Full PDB file with SEQRES, HELIX, SHEET, SSBOND, CRYST1, ORIGX, SCALE, CONECT and MASTER records, all heavy atoms in Angstrom:
SEQRES   1 A   38  GLY ARG ASP LYS ILE HIS LYS PHE LEU VAL HIS GLU ARG          
SEQRES   2 A   38  PRO ASP LYS LYS ASP ILE PRO PHE GLU LEU HIS GLY GLY          
SEQRES   3 A   38  ILE ILE TYR HIS CYS GLY PRO ILE ILE LYS LYS ILE              
HELIX    1 AA1 ASP A    3  HIS A   11  1                                   9    
HELIX    2 AA2 LYS A   16  ASP A   18  5                                   3    
CRYST1    1.000    1.000    1.000  90.00  90.00  90.00 P 1           1          
ORIGX1      1.000000  0.000000  0.000000        0.00000                         
ORIGX2      0.000000  1.000000  0.000000        0.00000                         
ORIGX3      0.000000  0.000000  1.000000        0.00000                         
SCALE1      1.000000  0.000000  0.000000        0.00000                         
SCALE2      0.000000  1.000000  0.000000        0.00000                         
SCALE3      0.000000  0.000000  1.000000        0.00000                         
ATOM      1  N   GLY A   1       2.890  12.388  21.244  1.00  0.00           N  
ATOM      2  CA  GLY A   1       2.994  13.556  20.387  1.00  0.00           C  
ATOM      3  C   GLY A   1       1.618  14.162  20.107  1.00  0.00           C  
ATOM      4  O   GLY A   1       0.741  13.443  19.616  1.00  0.00           O  
ATOM      5  N   ARG A   2       1.472  15.435  20.418  1.00  0.00           N  
ATOM      6  CA  ARG A   2       0.224  16.123  20.132  1.00  0.00           C  
ATOM      7  C   ARG A   2       0.495  17.255  19.142  1.00  0.00           C  
ATOM      8  O   ARG A   2       1.444  17.217  18.389  1.00  0.00           O  
ATOM      9  CB  ARG A   2      -0.434  16.653  21.418  1.00  0.00           C  
ATOM     10  CG  ARG A   2      -0.910  15.552  22.339  1.00  0.00           C  
ATOM     11  CD  ARG A   2      -2.112  15.982  23.192  1.00  0.00           C  
ATOM     12  NE  ARG A   2      -1.974  17.260  23.849  1.00  0.00           N  
ATOM     13  CZ  ARG A   2      -2.882  17.784  24.659  1.00  0.00           C  
ATOM     14  NH1 ARG A   2      -3.993  17.114  24.883  1.00  0.00           N  
ATOM     15  NH2 ARG A   2      -2.701  18.947  25.245  1.00  0.00           N  
ATOM     16  N   ASP A   3      -0.320  18.288  19.189  1.00  0.00           N  
ATOM     17  CA  ASP A   3      -0.287  19.357  18.181  1.00  0.00           C  
ATOM     18  C   ASP A   3       1.088  20.026  18.034  1.00  0.00           C  
ATOM     19  O   ASP A   3       1.601  20.148  16.913  1.00  0.00           O  
ATOM     20  CB  ASP A   3      -1.325  20.421  18.523  1.00  0.00           C  
ATOM     21  CG  ASP A   3      -2.703  19.875  18.760  1.00  0.00           C  
ATOM     22  OD1 ASP A   3      -2.839  18.898  19.528  1.00  0.00           O  
ATOM     23  OD2 ASP A   3      -3.663  20.438  18.206  1.00  0.00           O  
ATOM     24  N   LYS A   4       1.655  20.473  19.143  1.00  0.00           N  
ATOM     25  CA  LYS A   4       2.893  21.258  19.063  1.00  0.00           C  
ATOM     26  C   LYS A   4       4.083  20.440  18.540  1.00  0.00           C  
ATOM     27  O   LYS A   4       4.884  20.940  17.754  1.00  0.00           O  
ATOM     28  CB  LYS A   4       3.214  21.884  20.411  1.00  0.00           C  
ATOM     29  CG  LYS A   4       2.237  23.014  20.781  1.00  0.00           C  
ATOM     30  CD  LYS A   4       2.631  23.700  22.079  1.00  0.00           C  
ATOM     31  CE  LYS A   4       1.680  24.820  22.411  1.00  0.00           C  
ATOM     32  NZ  LYS A   4       2.040  25.516  23.670  1.00  0.00           N  
ATOM     33  N   ILE A   5       4.170  19.202  18.984  1.00  0.00           N  
ATOM     34  CA  ILE A   5       5.269  18.348  18.495  1.00  0.00           C  
ATOM     35  C   ILE A   5       5.111  18.062  17.021  1.00  0.00           C  
ATOM     36  O   ILE A   5       6.093  18.124  16.245  1.00  0.00           O  
ATOM     37  CB  ILE A   5       5.313  17.021  19.310  1.00  0.00           C  
ATOM     38  CG1 ILE A   5       6.032  17.236  20.630  1.00  0.00           C  
ATOM     39  CG2 ILE A   5       5.997  15.930  18.495  1.00  0.00           C  
ATOM     40  CD1 ILE A   5       7.532  17.510  20.535  1.00  0.00           C  
ATOM     41  N   HIS A   6       3.892  17.773  16.578  1.00  0.00           N  
ATOM     42  CA  HIS A   6       3.675  17.507  15.134  1.00  0.00           C  
ATOM     43  C   HIS A   6       3.992  18.739  14.294  1.00  0.00           C  
ATOM     44  O   HIS A   6       4.665  18.648  13.258  1.00  0.00           O  
ATOM     45  CB  HIS A   6       2.224  17.076  14.904  1.00  0.00           C  
ATOM     46  CG  HIS A   6       1.965  15.627  15.168  1.00  0.00           C  
ATOM     47  ND1 HIS A   6       1.821  15.132  16.457  1.00  0.00           N  
ATOM     48  CD2 HIS A   6       1.829  14.573  14.339  1.00  0.00           C  
ATOM     49  CE1 HIS A   6       1.615  13.811  16.387  1.00  0.00           C  
ATOM     50  NE2 HIS A   6       1.611  13.449  15.112  1.00  0.00           N  
ATOM     51  N   LYS A   7       3.534  19.898  14.764  1.00  0.00           N  
ATOM     52  CA  LYS A   7       3.822  21.138  14.024  1.00  0.00           C  
ATOM     53  C   LYS A   7       5.325  21.392  13.963  1.00  0.00           C  
ATOM     54  O   LYS A   7       5.863  21.778  12.920  1.00  0.00           O  
ATOM     55  CB  LYS A   7       3.116  22.317  14.710  1.00  0.00           C  
ATOM     56  CG  LYS A   7       3.298  23.638  14.005  1.00  0.00           C  
ATOM     57  CD  LYS A   7       2.511  24.740  14.715  1.00  0.00           C  
ATOM     58  CE  LYS A   7       2.680  26.079  14.001  1.00  0.00           C  
ATOM     59  NZ  LYS A   7       1.945  27.157  14.680  1.00  0.00           N  
ATOM     60  N   PHE A   8       6.014  21.159  15.071  1.00  0.00           N  
ATOM     61  CA  PHE A   8       7.471  21.357  15.126  1.00  0.00           C  
ATOM     62  C   PHE A   8       8.189  20.416  14.160  1.00  0.00           C  
ATOM     63  O   PHE A   8       9.098  20.816  13.417  1.00  0.00           O  
ATOM     64  CB  PHE A   8       7.974  21.153  16.540  1.00  0.00           C  
ATOM     65  CG  PHE A   8       9.454  21.315  16.712  1.00  0.00           C  
ATOM     66  CD1 PHE A   8      10.011  22.591  16.809  1.00  0.00           C  
ATOM     67  CD2 PHE A   8      10.302  20.230  16.756  1.00  0.00           C  
ATOM     68  CE1 PHE A   8      11.386  22.756  16.955  1.00  0.00           C  
ATOM     69  CE2 PHE A   8      11.666  20.369  16.902  1.00  0.00           C  
ATOM     70  CZ  PHE A   8      12.213  21.651  17.007  1.00  0.00           C  
ATOM     71  N   LEU A   9       7.800  19.151  14.171  1.00  0.00           N  
ATOM     72  CA  LEU A   9       8.464  18.166  13.307  1.00  0.00           C  
ATOM     73  C   LEU A   9       8.277  18.502  11.823  1.00  0.00           C  
ATOM     74  O   LEU A   9       9.206  18.313  11.027  1.00  0.00           O  
ATOM     75  CB  LEU A   9       7.889  16.758  13.578  1.00  0.00           C  
ATOM     76  CG  LEU A   9       8.251  16.123  14.928  1.00  0.00           C  
ATOM     77  CD1 LEU A   9       7.512  14.807  15.099  1.00  0.00           C  
ATOM     78  CD2 LEU A   9       9.756  15.902  15.051  1.00  0.00           C  
ATOM     79  N   VAL A  10       7.118  19.020  11.465  1.00  0.00           N  
ATOM     80  CA  VAL A  10       6.847  19.322  10.050  1.00  0.00           C  
ATOM     81  C   VAL A  10       7.407  20.665   9.632  1.00  0.00           C  
ATOM     82  O   VAL A  10       8.042  20.782   8.580  1.00  0.00           O  
ATOM     83  CB  VAL A  10       5.320  19.283   9.791  1.00  0.00           C  
ATOM     84  CG1 VAL A  10       4.980  19.793   8.396  1.00  0.00           C  
ATOM     85  CG2 VAL A  10       4.798  17.850   9.942  1.00  0.00           C  
ATOM     86  N   HIS A  11       7.235  21.698  10.456  1.00  0.00           N  
ATOM     87  CA  HIS A  11       7.645  23.034  10.061  1.00  0.00           C  
ATOM     88  C   HIS A  11       9.131  23.291  10.276  1.00  0.00           C  
ATOM     89  O   HIS A  11       9.786  23.951   9.469  1.00  0.00           O  
ATOM     90  CB  HIS A  11       6.817  24.084  10.820  1.00  0.00           C  
ATOM     91  CG  HIS A  11       5.400  24.161  10.359  1.00  0.00           C  
ATOM     92  ND1 HIS A  11       4.469  24.997  10.937  1.00  0.00           N  
ATOM     93  CD2 HIS A  11       4.726  23.488   9.391  1.00  0.00           C  
ATOM     94  CE1 HIS A  11       3.309  24.862  10.340  1.00  0.00           C  
ATOM     95  NE2 HIS A  11       3.441  23.935   9.405  1.00  0.00           N  
ATOM     96  N   GLU A  12       9.664  22.782  11.393  1.00  0.00           N  
ATOM     97  CA  GLU A  12      11.101  23.025  11.696  1.00  0.00           C  
ATOM     98  C   GLU A  12      12.007  21.935  11.146  1.00  0.00           C  
ATOM     99  O   GLU A  12      13.198  22.165  10.965  1.00  0.00           O  
ATOM    100  CB  GLU A  12      11.287  23.131  13.211  1.00  0.00           C  
ATOM    101  CG  GLU A  12      10.441  24.230  13.876  1.00  0.00           C  
ATOM    102  CD  GLU A  12      10.764  25.588  13.309  1.00  0.00           C  
ATOM    103  OE1 GLU A  12      11.935  25.861  12.972  1.00  0.00           O  
ATOM    104  OE2 GLU A  12       9.836  26.433  13.198  1.00  0.00           O  
ATOM    105  N   ARG A  13      11.454  20.781  10.877  1.00  0.00           N  
ATOM    106  CA  ARG A  13      12.204  19.660  10.331  1.00  0.00           C  
ATOM    107  C   ARG A  13      13.570  19.440  11.015  1.00  0.00           C  
ATOM    108  O   ARG A  13      14.623  19.553  10.400  1.00  0.00           O  
ATOM    109  CB  ARG A  13      12.422  19.830   8.819  1.00  0.00           C  
ATOM    110  CG  ARG A  13      11.153  19.708   8.017  1.00  0.00           C  
ATOM    111  CD  ARG A  13      11.411  19.751   6.523  1.00  0.00           C  
ATOM    112  NE  ARG A  13      10.216  19.548   5.769  1.00  0.00           N  
ATOM    113  CZ  ARG A  13       9.709  18.358   5.452  1.00  0.00           C  
ATOM    114  NH1 ARG A  13      10.341  17.280   5.850  1.00  0.00           N  
ATOM    115  NH2 ARG A  13       8.610  18.264   4.771  1.00  0.00           N  
ATOM    116  N   PRO A  14      13.540  19.137  12.315  1.00  0.00           N  
ATOM    117  CA  PRO A  14      14.815  18.909  13.008  1.00  0.00           C  
ATOM    118  C   PRO A  14      15.559  17.713  12.432  1.00  0.00           C  
ATOM    119  O   PRO A  14      14.938  16.765  11.958  1.00  0.00           O  
ATOM    120  CB  PRO A  14      14.362  18.628  14.453  1.00  0.00           C  
ATOM    121  CG  PRO A  14      12.982  18.089  14.304  1.00  0.00           C  
ATOM    122  CD  PRO A  14      12.382  18.853  13.153  1.00  0.00           C  
ATOM    123  N   ASP A  15      16.885  17.815  12.450  1.00  0.00           N  
ATOM    124  CA  ASP A  15      17.695  16.685  11.993  1.00  0.00           C  
ATOM    125  C   ASP A  15      17.421  15.496  12.903  1.00  0.00           C  
ATOM    126  O   ASP A  15      17.268  15.665  14.134  1.00  0.00           O  
ATOM    127  CB  ASP A  15      19.185  17.065  12.045  1.00  0.00           C  
ATOM    128  CG  ASP A  15      20.046  16.058  11.304  1.00  0.00           C  
ATOM    129  OD1 ASP A  15      20.170  14.921  11.786  1.00  0.00           O  
ATOM    130  OD2 ASP A  15      20.595  16.408  10.249  1.00  0.00           O  
ATOM    131  N   LYS A  16      17.384  14.340  12.341  1.00  0.00           N  
ATOM    132  CA  LYS A  16      17.066  13.138  13.131  1.00  0.00           C  
ATOM    133  C   LYS A  16      18.038  12.919  14.271  1.00  0.00           C  
ATOM    134  O   LYS A  16      17.680  12.408  15.318  1.00  0.00           O  
ATOM    135  CB  LYS A  16      16.999  11.912  12.214  1.00  0.00           C  
ATOM    136  CG  LYS A  16      15.839  11.943  11.205  1.00  0.00           C  
ATOM    137  CD  LYS A  16      15.835  10.764  10.300  1.00  0.00           C  
ATOM    138  CE  LYS A  16      14.706  10.872   9.279  1.00  0.00           C  
ATOM    139  NZ  LYS A  16      14.690   9.759   8.315  1.00  0.00           N  
ATOM    140  N   LYS A  17      19.286  13.367  14.084  1.00  0.00           N  
ATOM    141  CA  LYS A  17      20.271  13.198  15.148  1.00  0.00           C  
ATOM    142  C   LYS A  17      20.019  14.153  16.319  1.00  0.00           C  
ATOM    143  O   LYS A  17      20.550  13.958  17.426  1.00  0.00           O  
ATOM    144  CB  LYS A  17      21.700  13.400  14.609  1.00  0.00           C  
ATOM    145  CG  LYS A  17      22.010  14.773  14.094  1.00  0.00           C  
ATOM    146  CD  LYS A  17      23.452  14.858  13.622  1.00  0.00           C  
ATOM    147  CE  LYS A  17      23.797  16.174  12.951  1.00  0.00           C  
ATOM    148  NZ  LYS A  17      23.387  17.365  13.625  1.00  0.00           N  
ATOM    149  N   ASP A  18      19.200  15.185  16.088  1.00  0.00           N  
ATOM    150  CA  ASP A  18      18.862  16.126  17.156  1.00  0.00           C  
ATOM    151  C   ASP A  18      17.642  15.667  17.956  1.00  0.00           C  
ATOM    152  O   ASP A  18      17.322  16.274  18.983  1.00  0.00           O  
ATOM    153  CB  ASP A  18      18.591  17.508  16.562  1.00  0.00           C  
ATOM    154  CG  ASP A  18      19.843  18.115  15.946  1.00  0.00           C  
ATOM    155  OD1 ASP A  18      20.945  17.868  16.467  1.00  0.00           O  
ATOM    156  OD2 ASP A  18      19.723  18.835  14.936  1.00  0.00           O  
ATOM    157  N   ILE A  19      16.976  14.614  17.491  1.00  0.00           N  
ATOM    158  CA  ILE A  19      15.846  14.059  18.235  1.00  0.00           C  
ATOM    159  C   ILE A  19      16.405  12.943  19.128  1.00  0.00           C  
ATOM    160  O   ILE A  19      17.039  12.023  18.619  1.00  0.00           O  
ATOM    161  CB  ILE A  19      14.766  13.486  17.270  1.00  0.00           C  
ATOM    162  CG1 ILE A  19      14.285  14.587  16.310  1.00  0.00           C  
ATOM    163  CG2 ILE A  19      13.617  12.884  18.028  1.00  0.00           C  
ATOM    164  CD1 ILE A  19      13.347  14.102  15.242  1.00  0.00           C  
ATOM    165  N   PRO A  20      16.213  13.031  20.428  1.00  0.00           N  
ATOM    166  CA  PRO A  20      16.840  12.078  21.340  1.00  0.00           C  
ATOM    167  C   PRO A  20      16.281  10.668  21.280  1.00  0.00           C  
ATOM    168  O   PRO A  20      16.833   9.774  21.931  1.00  0.00           O  
ATOM    169  CB  PRO A  20      16.582  12.707  22.728  1.00  0.00           C  
ATOM    170  CG  PRO A  20      15.355  13.528  22.544  1.00  0.00           C  
ATOM    171  CD  PRO A  20      15.404  14.056  21.147  1.00  0.00           C  
ATOM    172  N   PHE A  21      15.206  10.445  20.532  1.00  0.00           N  
ATOM    173  CA  PHE A  21      14.622   9.122  20.425  1.00  0.00           C  
ATOM    174  C   PHE A  21      14.699   8.654  18.995  1.00  0.00           C  
ATOM    175  O   PHE A  21      14.631   9.439  18.053  1.00  0.00           O  
ATOM    176  CB  PHE A  21      13.135   9.123  20.862  1.00  0.00           C  
ATOM    177  CG  PHE A  21      12.853   9.968  22.063  1.00  0.00           C  
ATOM    178  CD1 PHE A  21      11.780  10.827  22.068  1.00  0.00           C  
ATOM    179  CD2 PHE A  21      13.640   9.891  23.191  1.00  0.00           C  
ATOM    180  CE1 PHE A  21      11.490  11.596  23.171  1.00  0.00           C  
ATOM    181  CE2 PHE A  21      13.384  10.654  24.300  1.00  0.00           C  
ATOM    182  CZ  PHE A  21      12.297  11.530  24.306  1.00  0.00           C  
ATOM    183  N   GLU A  22      14.727   7.345  18.790  1.00  0.00           N  
ATOM    184  CA  GLU A  22      14.657   6.752  17.456  1.00  0.00           C  
ATOM    185  C   GLU A  22      13.183   6.629  17.070  1.00  0.00           C  
ATOM    186  O   GLU A  22      12.442   5.874  17.699  1.00  0.00           O  
ATOM    187  CB  GLU A  22      15.328   5.381  17.446  1.00  0.00           C  
ATOM    188  CG  GLU A  22      15.227   4.662  16.098  1.00  0.00           C  
ATOM    189  CD  GLU A  22      15.818   5.464  14.950  1.00  0.00           C  
ATOM    190  OE1 GLU A  22      17.035   5.715  14.977  1.00  0.00           O  
ATOM    191  OE2 GLU A  22      15.048   5.837  14.044  1.00  0.00           O  
ATOM    192  N   LEU A  23      12.788   7.349  16.043  1.00  0.00           N  
ATOM    193  CA  LEU A  23      11.378   7.326  15.618  1.00  0.00           C  
ATOM    194  C   LEU A  23      11.104   6.287  14.543  1.00  0.00           C  
ATOM    195  O   LEU A  23       9.970   5.836  14.403  1.00  0.00           O  
ATOM    196  CB  LEU A  23      10.959   8.712  15.126  1.00  0.00           C  
ATOM    197  CG  LEU A  23      10.997   9.850  16.187  1.00  0.00           C  
ATOM    198  CD1 LEU A  23      10.489  11.145  15.547  1.00  0.00           C  
ATOM    199  CD2 LEU A  23      10.202   9.499  17.403  1.00  0.00           C  
ATOM    200  N   HIS A  24      12.127   5.924  13.776  1.00  0.00           N  
ATOM    201  CA  HIS A  24      11.901   4.968  12.682  1.00  0.00           C  
ATOM    202  C   HIS A  24      11.443   3.613  13.238  1.00  0.00           C  
ATOM    203  O   HIS A  24      12.052   3.040  14.115  1.00  0.00           O  
ATOM    204  CB  HIS A  24      13.216   4.768  11.890  1.00  0.00           C  
ATOM    205  CG  HIS A  24      13.008   3.927  10.665  1.00  0.00           C  
ATOM    206  ND1 HIS A  24      12.547   4.439   9.460  1.00  0.00           N  
ATOM    207  CD2 HIS A  24      13.185   2.602  10.441  1.00  0.00           C  
ATOM    208  CE1 HIS A  24      12.456   3.501   8.579  1.00  0.00           C  
ATOM    209  NE2 HIS A  24      12.842   2.355   9.141  1.00  0.00           N  
ATOM    210  N   GLY A  25      10.303   3.164  12.696  1.00  0.00           N  
ATOM    211  CA  GLY A  25       9.736   1.900  13.152  1.00  0.00           C  
ATOM    212  C   GLY A  25       8.913   2.055  14.420  1.00  0.00           C  
ATOM    213  O   GLY A  25       8.411   1.072  14.944  1.00  0.00           O  
ATOM    214  N   GLY A  26       8.791   3.299  14.868  1.00  0.00           N  
ATOM    215  CA  GLY A  26       8.146   3.549  16.150  1.00  0.00           C  
ATOM    216  C   GLY A  26       6.665   3.798  16.059  1.00  0.00           C  
ATOM    217  O   GLY A  26       6.065   3.826  14.984  1.00  0.00           O  
ATOM    218  N   ILE A  27       6.074   3.981  17.236  1.00  0.00           N  
ATOM    219  CA  ILE A  27       4.652   4.295  17.371  1.00  0.00           C  
ATOM    220  C   ILE A  27       4.502   5.627  18.080  1.00  0.00           C  
ATOM    221  O   ILE A  27       5.115   5.833  19.135  1.00  0.00           O  
ATOM    222  CB  ILE A  27       3.911   3.209  18.170  1.00  0.00           C  
ATOM    223  CG1 ILE A  27       3.900   1.872  17.402  1.00  0.00           C  
ATOM    224  CG2 ILE A  27       2.486   3.620  18.470  1.00  0.00           C  
ATOM    225  CD1 ILE A  27       3.275   0.721  18.189  1.00  0.00           C  
ATOM    226  N   ILE A  28       3.724   6.539  17.497  1.00  0.00           N  
ATOM    227  CA  ILE A  28       3.380   7.796  18.149  1.00  0.00           C  
ATOM    228  C   ILE A  28       2.003   7.665  18.794  1.00  0.00           C  
ATOM    229  O   ILE A  28       1.052   7.249  18.137  1.00  0.00           O  
ATOM    230  CB  ILE A  28       3.383   8.969  17.149  1.00  0.00           C  
ATOM    231  CG1 ILE A  28       4.808   9.285  16.674  1.00  0.00           C  
ATOM    232  CG2 ILE A  28       2.771  10.218  17.786  1.00  0.00           C  
ATOM    233  CD1 ILE A  28       4.898  10.494  15.763  1.00  0.00           C  
ATOM    234  N   TYR A  29       1.924   8.007  20.046  1.00  0.00           N  
ATOM    235  CA  TYR A  29       0.673   7.994  20.784  1.00  0.00           C  
ATOM    236  C   TYR A  29       0.130   9.423  20.893  1.00  0.00           C  
ATOM    237  O   TYR A  29       0.783  10.281  21.500  1.00  0.00           O  
ATOM    238  CB  TYR A  29       0.920   7.388  22.170  1.00  0.00           C  
ATOM    239  CG  TYR A  29      -0.313   7.240  23.039  1.00  0.00           C  
ATOM    240  CD1 TYR A  29      -1.612   7.271  22.532  1.00  0.00           C  
ATOM    241  CD2 TYR A  29      -0.176   7.053  24.425  1.00  0.00           C  
ATOM    242  CE1 TYR A  29      -2.734   7.109  23.327  1.00  0.00           C  
ATOM    243  CE2 TYR A  29      -1.286   6.884  25.247  1.00  0.00           C  
ATOM    244  CZ  TYR A  29      -2.554   6.934  24.696  1.00  0.00           C  
ATOM    245  OH  TYR A  29      -3.661   6.781  25.509  1.00  0.00           O  
ATOM    246  N   HIS A  30      -1.007   9.692  20.321  1.00  0.00           N  
ATOM    247  CA  HIS A  30      -1.670  10.999  20.442  1.00  0.00           C  
ATOM    248  C   HIS A  30      -2.204  11.112  21.860  1.00  0.00           C  
ATOM    249  O   HIS A  30      -3.314  10.675  22.166  1.00  0.00           O  
ATOM    250  CB  HIS A  30      -2.783  11.139  19.433  1.00  0.00           C  
ATOM    251  CG  HIS A  30      -2.315  11.136  18.017  1.00  0.00           C  
ATOM    252  ND1 HIS A  30      -3.162  10.864  16.952  1.00  0.00           N  
ATOM    253  CD2 HIS A  30      -1.100  11.370  17.472  1.00  0.00           C  
ATOM    254  CE1 HIS A  30      -2.467  10.946  15.817  1.00  0.00           C  
ATOM    255  NE2 HIS A  30      -1.227  11.251  16.120  1.00  0.00           N  
ATOM    256  N   CYS A  31      -1.410  11.707  22.716  1.00  0.00           N  
ATOM    257  CA  CYS A  31      -1.713  11.744  24.135  1.00  0.00           C  
ATOM    258  C   CYS A  31      -1.035  12.927  24.810  1.00  0.00           C  
ATOM    259  O   CYS A  31       0.117  13.250  24.493  1.00  0.00           O  
ATOM    260  CB  CYS A  31      -1.216  10.436  24.784  1.00  0.00           C  
ATOM    261  SG  CYS A  31      -1.291  10.372  26.584  1.00  0.00           S  
ATOM    262  N   GLY A  32      -1.770  13.607  25.687  1.00  0.00           N  
ATOM    263  CA  GLY A  32      -1.200  14.640  26.537  1.00  0.00           C  
ATOM    264  C   GLY A  32      -1.169  14.118  27.959  1.00  0.00           C  
ATOM    265  O   GLY A  32      -2.089  14.369  28.751  1.00  0.00           O  
ATOM    266  N   PRO A  33      -0.148  13.360  28.313  1.00  0.00           N  
ATOM    267  CA  PRO A  33      -0.130  12.659  29.592  1.00  0.00           C  
ATOM    268  C   PRO A  33      -0.071  13.600  30.812  1.00  0.00           C  
ATOM    269  O   PRO A  33       0.465  14.722  30.731  1.00  0.00           O  
ATOM    270  CB  PRO A  33       1.138  11.799  29.514  1.00  0.00           C  
ATOM    271  CG  PRO A  33       2.029  12.588  28.611  1.00  0.00           C  
ATOM    272  CD  PRO A  33       1.119  13.194  27.587  1.00  0.00           C  
ATOM    273  N   ILE A  34      -0.641  13.142  31.900  1.00  0.00           N  
ATOM    274  CA  ILE A  34      -0.478  13.841  33.189  1.00  0.00           C  
ATOM    275  C   ILE A  34       0.677  13.135  33.898  1.00  0.00           C  
ATOM    276  O   ILE A  34       0.593  11.951  34.202  1.00  0.00           O  
ATOM    277  CB  ILE A  34      -1.764  13.764  34.040  1.00  0.00           C  
ATOM    278  CG1 ILE A  34      -2.909  14.490  33.315  1.00  0.00           C  
ATOM    279  CG2 ILE A  34      -1.524  14.407  35.423  1.00  0.00           C  
ATOM    280  CD1 ILE A  34      -4.238  14.369  34.006  1.00  0.00           C  
ATOM    281  N   ILE A  35       1.743  13.902  34.112  1.00  0.00           N  
ATOM    282  CA  ILE A  35       2.959  13.316  34.672  1.00  0.00           C  
ATOM    283  C   ILE A  35       3.439  14.172  35.849  1.00  0.00           C  
ATOM    284  O   ILE A  35       3.468  15.407  35.761  1.00  0.00           O  
ATOM    285  CB  ILE A  35       4.072  13.215  33.592  1.00  0.00           C  
ATOM    286  CG1 ILE A  35       3.657  12.219  32.509  1.00  0.00           C  
ATOM    287  CG2 ILE A  35       5.398  12.830  34.209  1.00  0.00           C  
ATOM    288  CD1 ILE A  35       4.667  12.061  31.392  1.00  0.00           C  
ATOM    289  N   LYS A  36       3.797  13.537  36.938  1.00  0.00           N  
ATOM    290  CA  LYS A  36       4.348  14.214  38.099  1.00  0.00           C  
ATOM    291  C   LYS A  36       5.823  13.863  38.277  1.00  0.00           C  
ATOM    292  O   LYS A  36       6.239  12.736  38.014  1.00  0.00           O  
ATOM    293  CB  LYS A  36       3.571  13.831  39.373  1.00  0.00           C  
ATOM    294  CG  LYS A  36       2.201  14.449  39.496  1.00  0.00           C  
ATOM    295  CD  LYS A  36       1.595  14.135  40.848  1.00  0.00           C  
ATOM    296  CE  LYS A  36       0.247  14.823  41.028  1.00  0.00           C  
ATOM    297  NZ  LYS A  36      -0.338  14.540  42.367  1.00  0.00           N  
ATOM    298  N   LYS A  37       6.584  14.856  38.722  1.00  0.00           N  
ATOM    299  CA  LYS A  37       8.001  14.594  39.021  1.00  0.00           C  
ATOM    300  C   LYS A  37       8.151  14.426  40.521  1.00  0.00           C  
ATOM    301  O   LYS A  37       7.858  15.333  41.314  1.00  0.00           O  
ATOM    302  CB  LYS A  37       8.863  15.759  38.532  1.00  0.00           C  
ATOM    303  CG  LYS A  37      10.348  15.459  38.560  1.00  0.00           C  
ATOM    304  CD  LYS A  37      11.150  16.596  37.935  1.00  0.00           C  
ATOM    305  CE  LYS A  37      12.629  16.260  37.868  1.00  0.00           C  
ATOM    306  NZ  LYS A  37      13.414  17.353  37.264  1.00  0.00           N  
ATOM    307  N   ILE A  38       8.537  13.235  40.915  1.00  0.00           N  
ATOM    308  CA  ILE A  38       8.678  12.915  42.342  1.00  0.00           C  
ATOM    309  C   ILE A  38      10.088  12.413  42.595  1.00  0.00           C  
ATOM    310  O   ILE A  38      10.516  11.401  42.001  1.00  0.00           O  
ATOM    311  CB  ILE A  38       7.647  11.828  42.757  1.00  0.00           C  
ATOM    312  CG1 ILE A  38       6.232  12.281  42.437  1.00  0.00           C  
ATOM    313  CG2 ILE A  38       7.803  11.494  44.245  1.00  0.00           C  
ATOM    314  CD1 ILE A  38       5.180  11.211  42.655  1.00  0.00           C  
TER     315      ILE A  38                                                      
MASTER        0    0    0    2    0    0    0    6  314    1    0    3          
END                                                                             
């Protein structure tokens, strides 16, 4: 999670059921990964 995700979570406050991952008890990595689709 970087800037845009954090801003979205705070400003838009999506319902937890609309987030496809369970965040409770989780770890957020401040990272903009380089990912390829193969």
